[in-house]
Amino acid sequence: MILEIANFRIEPGGNAGFEAAFATAQALLAATPGYIDHALQRCIEDAGEYRLLVHWNTVDDHMQGFRQSQRFPQWRALLQPFCAATPSALHFERVIANHATS
């Protein structure tokens, strides 16, 4: 399992529109083979900054299965109008993990 972290910078005043568009766009993401789960996070200190955290089985599931699919242009068309810059993304593998116990 890998983690994709995508960075979105949203135009001023575009938060509500971006979040509404993402609510629609997330179905395109979730329909991709190899998709596991995702979370969209808004920055507390800078409300125009968002991080999308997506777990995939493999990098190829994201790069080939989603980015090269017919779903990706639809995804981009929904979200791009709210972006102040081109979103960027990197892939991460877990090295060390710990979970709190109660």
N, C-alpha and C. Protein backbone atom coordinates (compact mmCIF):
# COMPACT_ATOMS: atom_id res chain seq x y z
N MET A 1 0.85 -1.18 0.00
CA MET A 1 0.00 0.00 0.00
C MET A 1 0.89 1.24 0.00
N ILE A 2 0.52 2.22 -0.80
CA ILE A 2 1.25 3.49 -0.85
C ILE A 2 0.28 4.63 -0.55
N LEU A 3 0.86 5.78 -0.20
CA LEU A 3 0.09 6.98 0.09
C LEU A 3 0.45 8.06 -0.92
N GLU A 4 -0.54 8.54 -1.62
CA GLU A 4 -0.38 9.71 -2.49
C GLU A 4 -0.77 10.92 -1.66
N ILE A 5 0.07 11.97 -1.68
CA ILE A 5 -0.27 13.24 -1.06
C ILE A 5 -0.30 14.28 -2.16
N ALA A 6 -1.49 14.82 -2.42
CA ALA A 6 -1.67 15.84 -3.45
C ALA A 6 -1.91 17.19 -2.77
N ASN A 7 -1.27 18.22 -3.29
CA ASN A 7 -1.36 19.57 -2.74
C ASN A 7 -2.21 20.44 -3.66
N PHE A 8 -3.20 21.09 -3.09
CA PHE A 8 -4.08 21.99 -3.83
C PHE A 8 -4.02 23.37 -3.20
N ARG A 9 -3.76 24.39 -4.03
CA ARG A 9 -3.84 25.79 -3.61
C ARG A 9 -5.09 26.35 -4.28
N ILE A 10 -6.05 26.82 -3.47
CA ILE A 10 -7.34 27.26 -3.98
C ILE A 10 -7.39 28.78 -4.09
N GLU A 11 -8.04 29.25 -5.15
CA GLU A 11 -8.24 30.70 -5.34
C GLU A 11 -8.98 31.28 -4.15
N PRO A 12 -8.67 32.53 -3.76
CA PRO A 12 -9.40 33.16 -2.66
C PRO A 12 -10.91 33.14 -2.92
N GLY A 13 -11.66 32.75 -1.90
CA GLY A 13 -13.11 32.68 -2.01
C GLY A 13 -13.62 31.42 -2.68
N GLY A 14 -12.73 30.52 -3.05
CA GLY A 14 -13.15 29.33 -3.79
C GLY A 14 -13.36 28.08 -2.96
N ASN A 15 -13.22 28.19 -1.64
CA ASN A 15 -13.29 27.00 -0.78
C ASN A 15 -14.60 26.23 -0.92
N ALA A 16 -15.71 26.91 -0.80
CA ALA A 16 -17.01 26.22 -0.85
C ALA A 16 -17.20 25.54 -2.20
N GLY A 17 -16.83 26.22 -3.27
CA GLY A 17 -16.96 25.63 -4.61
C GLY A 17 -16.05 24.44 -4.79
N PHE A 18 -14.82 24.55 -4.29
CA PHE A 18 -13.87 23.45 -4.39
C PHE A 18 -14.37 22.24 -3.61
N GLU A 19 -14.82 22.46 -2.40
CA GLU A 19 -15.29 21.34 -1.57
C GLU A 19 -16.53 20.69 -2.18
N ALA A 20 -17.42 21.48 -2.76
CA ALA A 20 -18.60 20.91 -3.42
C ALA A 20 -18.19 20.11 -4.66
N ALA A 21 -17.25 20.66 -5.44
CA ALA A 21 -16.77 19.94 -6.63
C ALA A 21 -16.06 18.65 -6.22
N PHE A 22 -15.30 18.71 -5.13
CA PHE A 22 -14.61 17.51 -4.67
C PHE A 22 -15.60 16.44 -4.23
N ALA A 23 -16.69 16.85 -3.60
CA ALA A 23 -17.72 15.88 -3.18
C ALA A 23 -18.24 15.09 -4.37
N THR A 24 -18.30 15.71 -5.54
CA THR A 24 -18.69 15.02 -6.77
C THR A 24 -17.52 14.22 -7.34
N ALA A 25 -16.34 14.85 -7.39
CA ALA A 25 -15.16 14.24 -8.03
C ALA A 25 -14.67 12.99 -7.30
N GLN A 26 -14.91 12.90 -6.01
CA GLN A 26 -14.37 11.76 -5.25
C GLN A 26 -14.90 10.41 -5.75
N ALA A 27 -16.08 10.40 -6.34
CA ALA A 27 -16.61 9.14 -6.89
C ALA A 27 -15.75 8.65 -8.05
N LEU A 28 -15.16 9.56 -8.82
CA LEU A 28 -14.28 9.17 -9.93
C LEU A 28 -13.02 8.50 -9.38
N LEU A 29 -12.51 9.05 -8.31
CA LEU A 29 -11.33 8.48 -7.66
C LEU A 29 -11.64 7.09 -7.12
N ALA A 30 -12.73 6.99 -6.38
CA ALA A 30 -13.09 5.74 -5.71
C ALA A 30 -13.43 4.61 -6.68
N ALA A 31 -13.77 4.95 -7.92
CA ALA A 31 -14.13 3.94 -8.92
C ALA A 31 -12.91 3.30 -9.57
N THR A 32 -11.71 3.74 -9.22
CA THR A 32 -10.49 3.26 -9.85
C THR A 32 -10.00 1.97 -9.20
N PRO A 33 -9.72 0.94 -9.99
CA PRO A 33 -9.12 -0.28 -9.43
C PRO A 33 -7.82 0.05 -8.70
N GLY A 34 -7.63 -0.53 -7.53
CA GLY A 34 -6.43 -0.27 -6.73
C GLY A 34 -6.60 0.84 -5.71
N TYR A 35 -7.70 1.58 -5.80
CA TYR A 35 -8.01 2.62 -4.81
C TYR A 35 -8.39 1.95 -3.49
N ILE A 36 -7.91 2.51 -2.37
CA ILE A 36 -8.25 1.98 -1.05
C ILE A 36 -9.13 2.96 -0.28
N ASP A 37 -8.64 4.18 -0.04
CA ASP A 37 -9.43 5.20 0.66
C ASP A 37 -8.78 6.56 0.47
N HIS A 38 -9.47 7.60 0.92
CA HIS A 38 -8.92 8.95 0.81
C HIS A 38 -9.48 9.85 1.91
N ALA A 39 -8.80 10.97 2.11
CA ALA A 39 -9.27 12.03 3.00
C ALA A 39 -8.81 13.36 2.43
N LEU A 40 -9.69 14.34 2.40
CA LEU A 40 -9.34 15.69 1.99
C LEU A 40 -9.19 16.52 3.26
N GLN A 41 -8.05 17.19 3.40
CA GLN A 41 -7.75 17.98 4.60
C GLN A 41 -7.57 19.45 4.21
N ARG A 42 -8.18 20.36 4.98
CA ARG A 42 -7.99 21.80 4.78
C ARG A 42 -7.05 22.31 5.87
N CYS A 43 -6.10 23.14 5.50
CA CYS A 43 -5.13 23.69 6.44
C CYS A 43 -5.81 24.65 7.41
N ILE A 44 -5.48 24.54 8.67
CA ILE A 44 -6.04 25.42 9.70
C ILE A 44 -5.44 26.82 9.59
N GLU A 45 -4.13 26.90 9.37
CA GLU A 45 -3.45 28.20 9.32
C GLU A 45 -3.66 28.94 8.00
N ASP A 46 -3.95 28.24 6.93
CA ASP A 46 -4.12 28.85 5.61
C ASP A 46 -5.24 28.10 4.88
N ALA A 47 -6.45 28.63 4.96
CA ALA A 47 -7.64 27.93 4.45
C ALA A 47 -7.61 27.70 2.94
N GLY A 48 -6.69 28.32 2.23
CA GLY A 48 -6.57 28.09 0.79
C GLY A 48 -5.72 26.88 0.44
N GLU A 49 -5.14 26.24 1.45
CA GLU A 49 -4.29 25.06 1.24
C GLU A 49 -5.04 23.79 1.62
N TYR A 50 -5.03 22.82 0.71
CA TYR A 50 -5.65 21.52 0.96
C TYR A 50 -4.64 20.43 0.67
N ARG A 51 -4.77 19.32 1.39
CA ARG A 51 -4.01 18.11 1.11
C ARG A 51 -5.00 16.98 0.90
N LEU A 52 -4.80 16.25 -0.17
CA LEU A 52 -5.59 15.05 -0.44
C LEU A 52 -4.69 13.86 -0.17
N LEU A 53 -5.11 13.00 0.74
CA LEU A 53 -4.36 11.80 1.10
C LEU A 53 -5.11 10.60 0.53
N VAL A 54 -4.47 9.88 -0.37
CA VAL A 54 -5.11 8.74 -1.03
C VAL A 54 -4.24 7.51 -0.85
N HIS A 55 -4.83 6.45 -0.34
CA HIS A 55 -4.14 5.16 -0.28
C HIS A 55 -4.48 4.37 -1.55
N TRP A 56 -3.42 3.86 -2.18
CA TRP A 56 -3.53 3.01 -3.36
C TRP A 56 -2.80 1.71 -3.08
N ASN A 57 -3.15 0.67 -3.79
CA ASN A 57 -2.38 -0.57 -3.68
C ASN A 57 -0.97 -0.37 -4.21
N THR A 58 -0.83 0.31 -5.36
CA THR A 58 0.49 0.54 -5.98
C THR A 58 0.52 1.93 -6.60
N VAL A 59 1.72 2.41 -6.89
CA VAL A 59 1.88 3.68 -7.61
C VAL A 59 1.22 3.58 -8.98
N ASP A 60 1.37 2.45 -9.66
CA ASP A 60 0.76 2.27 -10.98
C ASP A 60 -0.76 2.37 -10.93
N ASP A 61 -1.37 1.94 -9.83
CA ASP A 61 -2.82 2.09 -9.71
C ASP A 61 -3.21 3.56 -9.82
N HIS A 62 -2.39 4.44 -9.25
CA HIS A 62 -2.66 5.88 -9.36
C HIS A 62 -2.25 6.42 -10.73
N MET A 63 -0.98 6.18 -11.09
CA MET A 63 -0.44 6.81 -12.28
C MET A 63 -1.00 6.26 -13.59
N GLN A 64 -1.24 4.97 -13.65
CA GLN A 64 -1.80 4.37 -14.86
C GLN A 64 -3.31 4.21 -14.74
N GLY A 65 -3.74 3.60 -13.65
CA GLY A 65 -5.15 3.28 -13.48
C GLY A 65 -6.05 4.49 -13.38
N PHE A 66 -5.56 5.57 -12.73
CA PHE A 66 -6.38 6.78 -12.60
C PHE A 66 -5.93 7.87 -13.56
N ARG A 67 -4.67 8.25 -13.52
CA ARG A 67 -4.20 9.39 -14.32
C ARG A 67 -4.31 9.15 -15.82
N GLN A 68 -4.23 7.89 -16.26
CA GLN A 68 -4.33 7.59 -17.68
C GLN A 68 -5.74 7.14 -18.09
N SER A 69 -6.67 7.22 -17.15
CA SER A 69 -8.04 6.76 -17.44
C SER A 69 -8.90 7.91 -17.96
N GLN A 70 -10.09 7.57 -18.41
CA GLN A 70 -11.06 8.59 -18.84
C GLN A 70 -11.63 9.35 -17.65
N ARG A 71 -11.43 8.84 -16.44
CA ARG A 71 -11.92 9.54 -15.25
C ARG A 71 -11.10 10.78 -14.93
N PHE A 72 -9.80 10.75 -15.24
CA PHE A 72 -8.93 11.86 -14.84
C PHE A 72 -9.30 13.19 -15.50
N PRO A 73 -9.57 13.26 -16.80
CA PRO A 73 -9.99 14.55 -17.37
C PRO A 73 -11.28 15.09 -16.74
N GLN A 74 -12.18 14.20 -16.37
CA GLN A 74 -13.41 14.63 -15.69
C GLN A 74 -13.07 15.20 -14.31
N TRP A 75 -12.18 14.52 -13.60
CA TRP A 75 -11.71 14.96 -12.28
C TRP A 75 -11.11 16.36 -12.39
N ARG A 76 -10.21 16.52 -13.35
CA ARG A 76 -9.53 17.80 -13.54
C ARG A 76 -10.53 18.90 -13.89
N ALA A 77 -11.49 18.61 -14.75
CA ALA A 77 -12.48 19.61 -15.15
C ALA A 77 -13.32 20.08 -13.96
N LEU A 78 -13.59 19.20 -13.03
CA LEU A 78 -14.36 19.57 -11.84
C LEU A 78 -13.56 20.44 -10.88
N LEU A 79 -12.29 20.13 -10.67
CA LEU A 79 -11.50 20.77 -9.62
C LEU A 79 -10.64 21.94 -10.09
N GLN A 80 -10.12 21.88 -11.31
CA GLN A 80 -9.18 22.88 -11.79
C GLN A 80 -9.70 24.32 -11.73
N PRO A 81 -10.99 24.58 -11.98
CA PRO A 81 -11.45 25.97 -11.94
C PRO A 81 -11.24 26.66 -10.59
N PHE A 82 -11.05 25.91 -9.53
CA PHE A 82 -10.89 26.49 -8.20
C PHE A 82 -9.44 26.59 -7.77
N CYS A 83 -8.52 26.06 -8.58
CA CYS A 83 -7.11 25.99 -8.21
C CYS A 83 -6.35 27.24 -8.65
N ALA A 84 -5.55 27.79 -7.73
CA ALA A 84 -4.72 28.95 -8.03
C ALA A 84 -3.43 28.53 -8.73
N ALA A 85 -3.07 27.25 -8.62
CA ALA A 85 -1.86 26.71 -9.25
C ALA A 85 -2.13 25.25 -9.60
N THR A 86 -1.28 24.71 -10.45
CA THR A 86 -1.42 23.30 -10.80
C THR A 86 -1.14 22.44 -9.57
N PRO A 87 -2.06 21.55 -9.22
CA PRO A 87 -1.82 20.67 -8.06
C PRO A 87 -0.58 19.80 -8.28
N SER A 88 0.08 19.46 -7.19
CA SER A 88 1.23 18.57 -7.25
C SER A 88 0.96 17.35 -6.38
N ALA A 89 1.64 16.24 -6.68
CA ALA A 89 1.44 15.02 -5.90
C ALA A 89 2.73 14.22 -5.83
N LEU A 90 2.93 13.57 -4.69
CA LEU A 90 4.05 12.65 -4.48
C LEU A 90 3.51 11.38 -3.85
N HIS A 91 4.30 10.31 -3.95
CA HIS A 91 3.91 9.01 -3.40
C HIS A 91 4.85 8.63 -2.26
N PHE A 92 4.28 8.05 -1.21
CA PHE A 92 5.05 7.69 -0.02
C PHE A 92 4.77 6.25 0.37
N GLU A 93 5.79 5.62 0.95
CA GLU A 93 5.63 4.29 1.51
C GLU A 93 5.85 4.38 3.02
N ARG A 94 5.11 3.58 3.76
CA ARG A 94 5.22 3.58 5.21
C ARG A 94 6.55 2.96 5.61
N VAL A 95 7.25 3.64 6.52
CA VAL A 95 8.52 3.16 7.03
C VAL A 95 8.36 2.73 8.49
N ILE A 96 7.76 3.60 9.29
CA ILE A 96 7.52 3.33 10.71
C ILE A 96 6.11 3.80 11.04
N ALA A 97 5.39 3.04 11.85
CA ALA A 97 4.04 3.43 12.26
C ALA A 97 3.83 3.06 13.71
N ASN A 98 2.98 3.81 14.37
CA ASN A 98 2.61 3.54 15.75
C ASN A 98 1.18 4.00 15.94
N HIS A 99 0.43 3.33 16.76
CA HIS A 99 -0.95 3.70 17.05
C HIS A 99 -1.13 3.82 18.55
N ALA A 100 -1.82 4.86 18.98
CA ALA A 100 -2.10 5.06 20.40
C ALA A 100 -3.00 3.95 20.91
N THR A 101 -2.79 3.59 22.15
CA THR A 101 -3.67 2.61 22.79
C THR A 101 -4.42 3.31 23.92
N SER A 102 -5.64 2.87 24.17
CA SER A 102 -6.42 3.54 25.23
C SER A 102 -6.34 2.79 26.53
